Amino acid sequence: MNPEEIRKITLQRLEEMPFDKEVIINFRPYRRDELIKHVEKGDEIGQKMILQQSRIIKALAFNGVWR
């Protein structure tokens, strides 16, 4: 997968997340809509989300299971 495909998948996965759930990044909670904006901007927080999703995708492709 190329970086643009992973970015799109990351955005799709975030859009499916409940709006009131939070993800902690650098000791700060972020809600779904904030994370979507960061991924769209491609800033540091957005890049961290994309990197994490790429790791999950690779693990699923290799193992078929995310542990």
C-alpha atoms as a PDB file:
ATOM      1  CA  MET A   1       0.000   0.000   0.000  1.00  0.00           C
ATOM      2  CA  ASN A   2       1.176   3.481  -0.744  1.00  0.00           C
ATOM      3  CA  PRO A   3       1.056   6.339   1.811  1.00  0.00           C
ATOM      4  CA  GLU A   4      -2.042   7.923   0.248  1.00  0.00           C
ATOM      5  CA  GLU A   5      -3.982   4.661   0.525  1.00  0.00           C
ATOM      6  CA  ILE A   6      -3.003   4.308   4.175  1.00  0.00           C
ATOM      7  CA  ARG A   7      -4.042   7.930   4.821  1.00  0.00           C
ATOM      8  CA  LYS A   8      -7.456   7.250   3.251  1.00  0.00           C
ATOM      9  CA  ILE A   9      -7.900   4.075   5.289  1.00  0.00           C
ATOM     10  CA  THR A  10      -6.917   5.975   8.435  1.00  0.00           C
ATOM     11  CA  LEU A  11      -9.564   8.616   7.695  1.00  0.00           C
ATOM     12  CA  GLN A  12     -12.189   5.936   7.023  1.00  0.00           C
ATOM     13  CA  ARG A  13     -11.387   4.153  10.276  1.00  0.00           C
ATOM     14  CA  LEU A  14     -11.535   7.417  12.224  1.00  0.00           C
ATOM     15  CA  GLU A  15     -14.907   8.285  10.685  1.00  0.00           C
ATOM     16  CA  GLU A  16     -16.260   4.959  11.980  1.00  0.00           C
ATOM     17  CA  MET A  17     -15.055   5.693  15.496  1.00  0.00           C
ATOM     18  CA  PRO A  18     -17.705   6.938  17.982  1.00  0.00           C
ATOM     19  CA  PHE A  19     -17.459  10.721  18.222  1.00  0.00           C
ATOM     20  CA  ASP A  20     -17.116  10.721  22.014  1.00  0.00           C
ATOM     21  CA  LYS A  21     -14.225   8.232  22.210  1.00  0.00           C
ATOM     22  CA  GLU A  22     -10.770   9.607  22.807  1.00  0.00           C
ATOM     23  CA  VAL A  23      -7.302   8.535  21.724  1.00  0.00           C
ATOM     24  CA  ILE A  24      -4.342   9.602  23.847  1.00  0.00           C
ATOM     25  CA  ILE A  25      -1.352  10.913  21.891  1.00  0.00           C
ATOM     26  CA  ASN A  26       1.584  12.575  23.656  1.00  0.00           C
ATOM     27  CA  PHE A  27      -0.361  12.506  26.944  1.00  0.00           C
ATOM     28  CA  ARG A  28      -3.273  14.489  25.462  1.00  0.00           C
ATOM     29  CA  PRO A  29      -6.740  13.166  24.605  1.00  0.00           C
ATOM     30  CA  TYR A  30      -8.034  13.724  21.075  1.00  0.00           C
ATOM     31  CA  ARG A  31     -11.580  13.112  19.875  1.00  0.00           C
ATOM     32  CA  ARG A  32     -12.482  11.684  16.488  1.00  0.00           C
ATOM     33  CA  ASP A  33     -13.107  14.998  14.717  1.00  0.00           C
ATOM     34  CA  GLU A  34      -9.839  16.470  15.991  1.00  0.00           C
ATOM     35  CA  LEU A  35      -7.912  13.436  14.755  1.00  0.00           C
ATOM     36  CA  ILE A  36      -9.566  13.620  11.340  1.00  0.00           C
ATOM     37  CA  LYS A  37      -8.450  17.256  11.006  1.00  0.00           C
ATOM     38  CA  HIS A  38      -4.898  16.373  12.005  1.00  0.00           C
ATOM     39  CA  VAL A  39      -4.735  13.534   9.462  1.00  0.00           C
ATOM     40  CA  GLU A  40      -6.139  15.801   6.739  1.00  0.00           C
ATOM     41  CA  LYS A  41      -3.514  18.455   7.572  1.00  0.00           C
ATOM     42  CA  GLY A  42      -0.742  15.871   7.689  1.00  0.00           C
ATOM     43  CA  ASP A  43       0.769  17.427  10.805  1.00  0.00           C
ATOM     44  CA  GLU A  44       2.691  15.582  13.541  1.00  0.00           C
ATOM     45  CA  ILE A  45      -0.405  14.164  15.248  1.00  0.00           C
ATOM     46  CA  GLY A  46      -1.898  13.136  11.908  1.00  0.00           C
ATOM     47  CA  GLN A  47       1.339  11.407  10.934  1.00  0.00           C
ATOM     48  CA  LYS A  48       1.349   9.486  14.216  1.00  0.00           C
ATOM     49  CA  MET A  49      -2.175   8.243  13.523  1.00  0.00           C
ATOM     50  CA  ILE A  50      -1.227   7.213   9.984  1.00  0.00           C
ATOM     51  CA  LEU A  51       1.890   5.412  11.250  1.00  0.00           C
ATOM     52  CA  GLN A  52      -0.140   3.515  13.856  1.00  0.00           C
ATOM     53  CA  GLN A  53      -2.736   2.500  11.286  1.00  0.00           C
ATOM     54  CA  SER A  54      -0.036   1.331   8.879  1.00  0.00           C
ATOM     55  CA  ARG A  55       1.390  -0.869  11.648  1.00  0.00           C
ATOM     56  CA  ILE A  56      -2.048  -2.351  12.294  1.00  0.00           C
ATOM     57  CA  ILE A  57      -2.611  -2.977   8.578  1.00  0.00           C
ATOM     58  CA  LYS A  58       0.790  -4.671   8.224  1.00  0.00           C
ATOM     59  CA  ALA A  59       0.173  -6.844  11.281  1.00  0.00           C
ATOM     60  CA  LEU A  60      -3.241  -7.876   9.978  1.00  0.00           C
ATOM     61  CA  ALA A  61      -1.802  -8.659   6.551  1.00  0.00           C
ATOM     62  CA  PHE A  62       0.988 -10.730   8.063  1.00  0.00           C
ATOM     63  CA  ASN A  63      -0.834 -12.488  10.918  1.00  0.00           C
ATOM     64  CA  GLY A  64      -4.483 -12.085  10.064  1.00  0.00           C
ATOM     65  CA  VAL A  65      -4.893 -10.996  13.697  1.00  0.00           C
ATOM     66  CA  TRP A  66      -4.147  -7.757  15.551  1.00  0.00           C
ATOM     67  CA  ARG A  67      -2.676  -8.447  18.980  1.00  0.00           C
END
